[in-house]
Amino acid sequence: MKPLHIILAVIGGTIAGAALGLLFAPEKGEDTRKKIADLLREKGIKLGDDKIDELAGEIAAEINAKQE
Protein backbone atom coordinates (compact mmCIF):
# COMPACT_ATOMS: atom_id res chain seq x y z
CA MET A 1 0.00 0.00 0.00
CA LYS A 2 1.34 3.40 -0.92
CA PRO A 3 2.04 5.92 1.85
CA LEU A 4 -0.42 8.36 0.27
CA HIS A 5 -3.21 5.80 0.56
CA ILE A 6 -2.42 5.26 4.22
CA ILE A 7 -2.49 9.00 4.92
CA LEU A 8 -5.78 9.42 3.07
CA ALA A 9 -7.27 6.46 4.96
CA VAL A 10 -6.25 7.96 8.31
CA ILE A 11 -7.65 11.38 7.40
CA GLY A 12 -10.87 9.83 6.10
CA GLY A 13 -11.26 7.74 9.25
CA THR A 14 -10.69 10.76 11.45
CA ILE A 15 -13.31 12.80 9.60
CA ALA A 16 -15.82 9.94 9.67
CA GLY A 17 -15.23 9.38 13.40
CA ALA A 18 -15.67 13.06 14.20
CA ALA A 19 -18.88 13.24 12.17
CA LEU A 20 -20.31 10.15 13.87
CA GLY A 21 -19.31 11.48 17.29
CA LEU A 22 -21.21 14.70 16.64
CA LEU A 23 -24.24 12.91 15.24
CA PHE A 24 -24.51 10.41 18.07
CA ALA A 25 -23.42 12.58 21.00
CA PRO A 26 -25.90 11.76 23.75
CA GLU A 27 -26.28 15.23 25.23
CA LYS A 28 -25.17 18.83 25.04
CA GLY A 29 -21.88 19.69 26.72
CA GLU A 30 -23.61 21.78 29.37
CA ASP A 31 -25.77 18.81 30.40
CA THR A 32 -22.74 16.51 30.46
CA ARG A 33 -20.79 18.93 32.69
CA LYS A 34 -23.75 19.18 35.09
CA LYS A 35 -24.01 15.39 35.35
CA ILE A 36 -20.27 15.07 36.00
CA ALA A 37 -20.41 17.80 38.67
CA ASP A 38 -23.39 16.09 40.34
CA LEU A 39 -21.57 12.75 40.29
CA LEU A 40 -18.48 14.31 41.88
CA ARG A 41 -20.63 15.82 44.62
CA GLU A 42 -22.35 12.46 45.24
CA LYS A 43 -18.96 10.76 45.54
CA GLY A 44 -17.97 13.21 48.26
CA ILE A 45 -15.37 15.17 46.33
CA LYS A 46 -14.88 18.14 48.63
CA LEU A 47 -14.24 21.09 46.36
CA GLY A 48 -15.95 24.43 46.09
CA ASP A 49 -18.78 24.71 43.57
CA ASP A 50 -16.62 26.68 41.16
CA LYS A 51 -13.80 24.11 41.37
CA ILE A 52 -16.20 21.19 40.83
CA ASP A 53 -17.71 22.96 37.82
CA GLU A 54 -14.21 23.67 36.47
CA LEU A 55 -13.15 20.04 36.95
CA ALA A 56 -16.38 18.80 35.35
CA GLY A 57 -15.73 21.09 32.38
CA GLU A 58 -12.23 19.70 31.96
CA ILE A 59 -13.50 16.12 32.14
CA ALA A 60 -16.27 16.85 29.63
CA ALA A 61 -13.77 18.50 27.28
CA GLU A 62 -11.54 15.41 27.44
CA ILE A 63 -14.52 13.13 26.74
CA ASN A 64 -15.58 15.26 23.79
CA ALA A 65 -12.04 15.38 22.42
CA LYS A 66 -11.82 11.59 22.52
CA GLN A 67 -15.17 11.26 20.75
CA GLU A 68 -14.01 13.45 17.89
PDB file of N, CA and C in Angstrom:
ATOM      1  N   MET A   1       0.851  -1.172   0.000  1.00  0.00           N
ATOM      2  CA  MET A   1       0.000   0.000   0.000  1.00  0.00           C
ATOM      3  C   MET A   1       0.897   1.236   0.000  1.00  0.00           C
ATOM      4  N   LYS A   2       0.544   2.185  -0.806  1.00  0.00           N
ATOM      5  CA  LYS A   2       1.343   3.396  -0.922  1.00  0.00           C
ATOM      6  C   LYS A   2       1.131   4.283   0.304  1.00  0.00           C
ATOM      7  N   PRO A   3       2.168   5.031   0.691  1.00  0.00           N
ATOM      8  CA  PRO A   3       2.042   5.921   1.851  1.00  0.00           C
ATOM      9  C   PRO A   3       0.902   6.938   1.705  1.00  0.00           C
ATOM     10  N   LEU A   4       0.657   7.398   0.492  1.00  0.00           N
ATOM     11  CA  LEU A   4      -0.424   8.365   0.274  1.00  0.00           C
ATOM     12  C   LEU A   4      -1.774   7.744   0.601  1.00  0.00           C
ATOM     13  N   HIS A   5      -1.959   6.475   0.254  1.00  0.00           N
ATOM     14  CA  HIS A   5      -3.215   5.798   0.559  1.00  0.00           C
ATOM     15  C   HIS A   5      -3.412   5.665   2.062  1.00  0.00           C
ATOM     16  N   ILE A   6      -2.337   5.388   2.768  1.00  0.00           N
ATOM     17  CA  ILE A   6      -2.418   5.260   4.224  1.00  0.00           C
ATOM     18  C   ILE A   6      -2.804   6.599   4.840  1.00  0.00           C
ATOM     19  N   ILE A   7      -2.185   7.661   4.396  1.00  0.00           N
ATOM     20  CA  ILE A   7      -2.487   8.998   4.924  1.00  0.00           C
ATOM     21  C   ILE A   7      -3.940   9.367   4.636  1.00  0.00           C
ATOM     22  N   LEU A   8      -4.388   9.104   3.422  1.00  0.00           N
ATOM     23  CA  LEU A   8      -5.782   9.415   3.075  1.00  0.00           C
ATOM     24  C   LEU A   8      -6.761   8.566   3.885  1.00  0.00           C
ATOM     25  N   ALA A   9      -6.409   7.325   4.152  1.00  0.00           N
ATOM     26  CA  ALA A   9      -7.271   6.461   4.964  1.00  0.00           C
ATOM     27  C   ALA A   9      -7.366   6.980   6.394  1.00  0.00           C
ATOM     28  N   VAL A  10      -6.253   7.415   6.947  1.00  0.00           N
ATOM     29  CA  VAL A  10      -6.251   7.958   8.309  1.00  0.00           C
ATOM     30  C   VAL A  10      -7.075   9.241   8.373  1.00  0.00           C
ATOM     31  N   ILE A  11      -6.885  10.124   7.420  1.00  0.00           N
ATOM     32  CA  ILE A  11      -7.649  11.379   7.395  1.00  0.00           C
ATOM     33  C   ILE A  11      -9.137  11.091   7.214  1.00  0.00           C
ATOM     34  N   GLY A  12      -9.469  10.191   6.315  1.00  0.00           N
ATOM     35  CA  GLY A  12     -10.871   9.835   6.101  1.00  0.00           C
ATOM     36  C   GLY A  12     -11.497   9.214   7.336  1.00  0.00           C
ATOM     37  N   GLY A  13     -10.753   8.351   8.022  1.00  0.00           N
ATOM     38  CA  GLY A  13     -11.256   7.737   9.247  1.00  0.00           C
ATOM     39  C   GLY A  13     -11.467   8.753  10.355  1.00  0.00           C
ATOM     40  N   THR A  14     -10.566   9.709  10.442  1.00  0.00           N
ATOM     41  CA  THR A  14     -10.692  10.762  11.448  1.00  0.00           C
ATOM     42  C   THR A  14     -11.924  11.616  11.190  1.00  0.00           C
ATOM     43  N   ILE A  15     -12.137  11.984   9.949  1.00  0.00           N
ATOM     44  CA  ILE A  15     -13.306  12.798   9.602  1.00  0.00           C
ATOM     45  C   ILE A  15     -14.591  12.020   9.852  1.00  0.00           C
ATOM     46  N   ALA A  16     -14.622  10.762   9.461  1.00  0.00           N
ATOM     47  CA  ALA A  16     -15.816   9.943   9.670  1.00  0.00           C
ATOM     48  C   ALA A  16     -16.093   9.768  11.166  1.00  0.00           C
ATOM     49  N   GLY A  17     -15.057   9.535  11.955  1.00  0.00           N
ATOM     50  CA  GLY A  17     -15.228   9.380  13.397  1.00  0.00           C
ATOM     51  C   GLY A  17     -15.739  10.648  14.052  1.00  0.00           C
ATOM     52  N   ALA A  18     -15.212  11.791  13.641  1.00  0.00           N
ATOM     53  CA  ALA A  18     -15.671  13.063  14.199  1.00  0.00           C
ATOM     54  C   ALA A  18     -17.131  13.311  13.838  1.00  0.00           C
ATOM     55  N   ALA A  19     -17.489  13.031  12.603  1.00  0.00           N
ATOM     56  CA  ALA A  19     -18.876  13.240  12.170  1.00  0.00           C
ATOM     57  C   ALA A  19     -19.830  12.335  12.944  1.00  0.00           C
ATOM     58  N   LEU A  20     -19.468  11.076  13.108  1.00  0.00           N
ATOM     59  CA  LEU A  20     -20.313  10.151  13.866  1.00  0.00           C
ATOM     60  C   LEU A  20     -20.407  10.552  15.339  1.00  0.00           C
ATOM     61  N   GLY A  21     -19.304  11.027  15.897  1.00  0.00           N
ATOM     62  CA  GLY A  21     -19.314  11.484  17.286  1.00  0.00           C
ATOM     63  C   GLY A  21     -20.270  12.641  17.491  1.00  0.00           C
ATOM     64  N   LEU A  22     -20.288  13.565  16.541  1.00  0.00           N
ATOM     65  CA  LEU A  22     -21.209  14.701  16.643  1.00  0.00           C
ATOM     66  C   LEU A  22     -22.660  14.272  16.435  1.00  0.00           C
ATOM     67  N   LEU A  23     -22.873  13.349  15.518  1.00  0.00           N
ATOM     68  CA  LEU A  23     -24.241  12.909  15.238  1.00  0.00           C
ATOM     69  C   LEU A  23     -24.839  12.098  16.383  1.00  0.00           C
ATOM     70  N   PHE A  24     -24.008  11.302  17.046  1.00  0.00           N
ATOM     71  CA  PHE A  24     -24.514  10.406  18.068  1.00  0.00           C
ATOM     72  C   PHE A  24     -24.177  10.845  19.489  1.00  0.00           C
ATOM     73  N   ALA A  25     -23.713  12.080  19.652  1.00  0.00           N
ATOM     74  CA  ALA A  25     -23.423  12.584  20.996  1.00  0.00           C
ATOM     75  C   ALA A  25     -24.716  12.555  21.809  1.00  0.00           C
ATOM     76  N   PRO A  26     -24.667  11.958  22.998  1.00  0.00           N
ATOM     77  CA  PRO A  26     -25.899  11.762  23.755  1.00  0.00           C
ATOM     78  C   PRO A  26     -26.533  13.048  24.278  1.00  0.00           C
ATOM     79  N   GLU A  27     -25.733  14.023  24.635  1.00  0.00           N
ATOM     80  CA  GLU A  27     -26.277  15.232  25.229  1.00  0.00           C
ATOM     81  C   GLU A  27     -25.409  16.433  24.887  1.00  0.00           C
ATOM     82  N   LYS A  28     -25.949  17.615  25.212  1.00  0.00           N
ATOM     83  CA  LYS A  28     -25.173  18.832  25.042  1.00  0.00           C
ATOM     84  C   LYS A  28     -24.064  18.859  26.083  1.00  0.00           C
ATOM     85  N   GLY A  29     -23.010  19.589  25.799  1.00  0.00           N
ATOM     86  CA  GLY A  29     -21.881  19.687  26.717  1.00  0.00           C
ATOM     87  C   GLY A  29     -22.272  20.223  28.083  1.00  0.00           C
ATOM     88  N   GLU A  30     -23.167  21.189  28.102  1.00  0.00           N
ATOM     89  CA  GLU A  30     -23.612  21.776  29.371  1.00  0.00           C
ATOM     90  C   GLU A  30     -24.268  20.714  30.251  1.00  0.00           C
ATOM     91  N   ASP A  31     -25.107  19.877  29.653  1.00  0.00           N
ATOM     92  CA  ASP A  31     -25.769  18.806  30.404  1.00  0.00           C
ATOM     93  C   ASP A  31     -24.756  17.778  30.908  1.00  0.00           C
ATOM     94  N   THR A  32     -23.774  17.459  30.071  1.00  0.00           N
ATOM     95  CA  THR A  32     -22.735  16.507  30.464  1.00  0.00           C
ATOM     96  C   THR A  32     -21.935  17.046  31.646  1.00  0.00           C
ATOM     97  N   ARG A  33     -21.550  18.329  31.592  1.00  0.00           N
ATOM     98  CA  ARG A  33     -20.795  18.932  32.690  1.00  0.00           C
ATOM     99  C   ARG A  33     -21.597  18.911  33.985  1.00  0.00           C
ATOM    100  N   LYS A  34     -22.903  19.183  33.893  1.00  0.00           N
ATOM    101  CA  LYS A  34     -23.752  19.176  35.090  1.00  0.00           C
ATOM    102  C   LYS A  34     -23.811  17.773  35.691  1.00  0.00           C
ATOM    103  N   LYS A  35     -23.961  16.759  34.844  1.00  0.00           N
ATOM    104  CA  LYS A  35     -24.006  15.386  35.346  1.00  0.00           C
ATOM    105  C   LYS A  35     -22.692  14.988  36.014  1.00  0.00           C
ATOM    106  N   ILE A  36     -21.569  15.382  35.412  1.00  0.00           N
ATOM    107  CA  ILE A  36     -20.267  15.065  35.995  1.00  0.00           C
ATOM    108  C   ILE A  36     -20.123  15.771  37.339  1.00  0.00           C
ATOM    109  N   ALA A  37     -20.508  17.047  37.416  1.00  0.00           N
ATOM    110  CA  ALA A  37     -20.411  17.798  38.666  1.00  0.00           C
ATOM    111  C   ALA A  37     -21.291  17.161  39.740  1.00  0.00           C
ATOM    112  N   ASP A  38     -22.494  16.748  39.381  1.00  0.00           N
ATOM    113  CA  ASP A  38     -23.390  16.094  40.337  1.00  0.00           C
ATOM    114  C   ASP A  38     -22.788  14.780  40.827  1.00  0.00           C
ATOM    115  N   LEU A  39     -22.195  14.014  39.912  1.00  0.00           N
ATOM    116  CA  LEU A  39     -21.570  12.751  40.290  1.00  0.00           C
ATOM    117  C   LEU A  39     -20.403  12.977  41.248  1.00  0.00           C
ATOM    118  N   LEU A  40     -19.593  14.003  40.987  1.00  0.00           N
ATOM    119  CA  LEU A  40     -18.482  14.312  41.878  1.00  0.00           C
ATOM    120  C   LEU A  40     -18.987  14.678  43.267  1.00  0.00           C
ATOM    121  N   ARG A  41     -20.056  15.448  43.326  1.00  0.00           N
ATOM    122  CA  ARG A  41     -20.635  15.823  44.624  1.00  0.00           C
ATOM    123  C   ARG A  41     -21.157  14.591  45.355  1.00  0.00           C
ATOM    124  N   GLU A  42     -21.820  13.687  44.628  1.00  0.00           N
ATOM    125  CA  GLU A  42     -22.350  12.465  45.238  1.00  0.00           C
ATOM    126  C   GLU A  42     -21.230  11.584  45.792  1.00  0.00           C
ATOM    127  N   LYS A  43     -20.081  11.587  45.116  1.00  0.00           N
ATOM    128  CA  LYS A  43     -18.955  10.761  45.545  1.00  0.00           C
ATOM    129  C   LYS A  43     -18.184  11.392  46.702  1.00  0.00           C
ATOM    130  N   GLY A  44     -18.605  12.566  47.112  1.00  0.00           N
ATOM    131  CA  GLY A  44     -17.974  13.212  48.257  1.00  0.00           C
ATOM    132  C   GLY A  44     -16.713  13.975  47.938  1.00  0.00           C
ATOM    133  N   ILE A  45     -16.525  14.347  46.688  1.00  0.00           N
ATOM    134  CA  ILE A  45     -15.372  15.168  46.329  1.00  0.00           C
ATOM    135  C   ILE A  45     -15.590  16.529  46.967  1.00  0.00           C
ATOM    136  N   LYS A  46     -14.689  16.917  47.862  1.00  0.00           N
ATOM    137  CA  LYS A  46     -14.880  18.143  48.630  1.00  0.00           C
ATOM    138  C   LYS A  46     -14.111  19.290  47.976  1.00  0.00           C
ATOM    139  N   LEU A  47     -14.763  19.903  47.022  1.00  0.00           N
ATOM    140  CA  LEU A  47     -14.235  21.087  46.356  1.00  0.00           C
ATOM    141  C   LEU A  47     -15.331  22.138  46.372  1.00  0.00           C
ATOM    142  N   GLY A  48     -14.955  23.378  46.210  1.00  0.00           N
ATOM    143  CA  GLY A  48     -15.953  24.428  46.086  1.00  0.00           C
ATOM    144  C   GLY A  48     -16.736  24.249  44.800  1.00  0.00           C
ATOM    145  N   ASP A  49     -17.927  24.849  44.755  1.00  0.00           N
ATOM    146  CA  ASP A  49     -18.781  24.705  43.571  1.00  0.00           C
ATOM    147  C   ASP A  49     -18.065  25.120  42.295  1.00  0.00           C
ATOM    148  N   ASP A  50     -17.314  26.217  42.365  1.00  0.00           N
ATOM    149  CA  ASP A  50     -16.620  26.678  41.160  1.00  0.00           C
ATOM    150  C   ASP A  50     -15.530  25.692  40.736  1.00  0.00           C
ATOM    151  N   LYS A  51     -14.848  25.081  41.704  1.00  0.00           N
ATOM    152  CA  LYS A  51     -13.803  24.105  41.368  1.00  0.00           C
ATOM    153  C   LYS A  51     -14.409  22.817  40.803  1.00  0.00           C
ATOM    154  N   ILE A  52     -15.535  22.389  41.357  1.00  0.00           N
ATOM    155  CA  ILE A  52     -16.197  21.188  40.831  1.00  0.00           C
ATOM    156  C   ILE A  52     -16.664  21.447  39.407  1.00  0.00           C
ATOM    157  N   ASP A  53     -17.259  22.620  39.168  1.00  0.00           N
ATOM    158  CA  ASP A  53     -17.711  22.955  37.820  1.00  0.00           C
ATOM    159  C   ASP A  53     -16.530  23.026  36.853  1.00  0.00           C
ATOM    160  N   GLU A  54     -15.410  23.582  37.322  1.00  0.00           N
ATOM    161  CA  GLU A  54     -14.214  23.666  36.475  1.00  0.00           C
ATOM    162  C   GLU A  54     -13.687  22.268  36.140  1.00  0.00           C
ATOM    163  N   LEU A  55     -13.614  21.411  37.162  1.00  0.00           N
ATOM    164  CA  LEU A  55     -13.150  20.039  36.952  1.00  0.00           C
ATOM    165  C   LEU A  55     -14.093  19.278  36.022  1.00  0.00           C
ATOM    166  N   ALA A  56     -15.397  19.459  36.221  1.00  0.00           N
ATOM    167  CA  ALA A  56     -16.377  18.796  35.354  1.00  0.00           C
ATOM    168  C   ALA A  56     -16.218  19.278  33.914  1.00  0.00           C
ATOM    169  N   GLY A  57     -15.955  20.554  33.727  1.00  0.00           N
ATOM    170  CA  GLY A  57     -15.732  21.089  32.385  1.00  0.00           C
ATOM    171  C   GLY A  57     -14.516  20.482  31.718  1.00  0.00           C
ATOM    172  N   GLU A  58     -13.451  20.310  32.501  1.00  0.00           N
ATOM    173  CA  GLU A  58     -12.233  19.701  31.959  1.00  0.00           C
ATOM    174  C   GLU A  58     -12.473  18.244  31.585  1.00  0.00           C
ATOM    175  N   ILE A  59     -13.198  17.522  32.429  1.00  0.00           N
ATOM    176  CA  ILE A  59     -13.496  16.117  32.135  1.00  0.00           C
ATOM    177  C   ILE A  59     -14.366  16.018  30.890  1.00  0.00           C
ATOM    178  N   ALA A  60     -15.386  16.865  30.799  1.00  0.00           N
ATOM    179  CA  ALA A  60     -16.270  16.848  29.634  1.00  0.00           C
ATOM    180  C   ALA A  60     -15.501  17.187  28.364  1.00  0.00           C
ATOM    181  N   ALA A  61     -14.572  18.133  28.450  1.00  0.00           N
ATOM    182  CA  ALA A  61     -13.768  18.497  27.276  1.00  0.00           C
ATOM    183  C   ALA A  61     -12.911  17.317  26.825  1.00  0.00           C
ATOM    184  N   GLU A  62     -12.343  16.578  27.779  1.00  0.00           N
ATOM    185  CA  GLU A  62     -11.542  15.407  27.438  1.00  0.00           C
ATOM    186  C   GLU A  62     -12.406  14.334  26.775  1.00  0.00           C
ATOM    187  N   ILE A  63     -13.603  14.127  27.317  1.00  0.00           N
ATOM    188  CA  ILE A  63     -14.522  13.132  26.745  1.00  0.00           C
ATOM    189  C   ILE A  63     -14.879  13.522  25.322  1.00  0.00           C
ATOM    190  N   ASN A  64     -15.212  14.792  25.128  1.00  0.00           N
ATOM    191  CA  ASN A  64     -15.581  15.264  23.790  1.00  0.00           C
ATOM    192  C   ASN A  64     -14.420  15.174  22.822  1.00  0.00           C
ATOM    193  N   ALA A  65     -13.219  15.457  23.281  1.00  0.00           N
ATOM    194  CA  ALA A  65     -12.037  15.383  22.418  1.00  0.00           C
ATOM    195  C   ALA A  65     -11.792  13.941  21.978  1.00  0.00           C
ATOM    196  N   LYS A  66     -12.026  12.991  22.869  1.00  0.00           N
ATOM    197  CA  LYS A  66     -11.816  11.590  22.520  1.00  0.00           C
ATOM    198  C   LYS A  66     -12.898  11.081  21.581  1.00  0.00           C
ATOM    199  N   GLN A  67     -14.095  11.665  21.642  1.00  0.00           N
ATOM    200  CA  GLN A  67     -15.173  11.260  20.747  1.00  0.00           C
ATOM    201  C   GLN A  67     -14.959  11.775  19.341  1.00  0.00           C
ATOM    202  N   GLU A  68     -14.230  12.854  19.212  1.00  0.00           N
ATOM    203  CA  GLU A  68     -14.011  13.449  17.894  1.00  0.00           C
ATOM    204  C   GLU A  68     -12.867  12.818  17.256  1.00  0.00           C
TER     205      GLU A  68
END
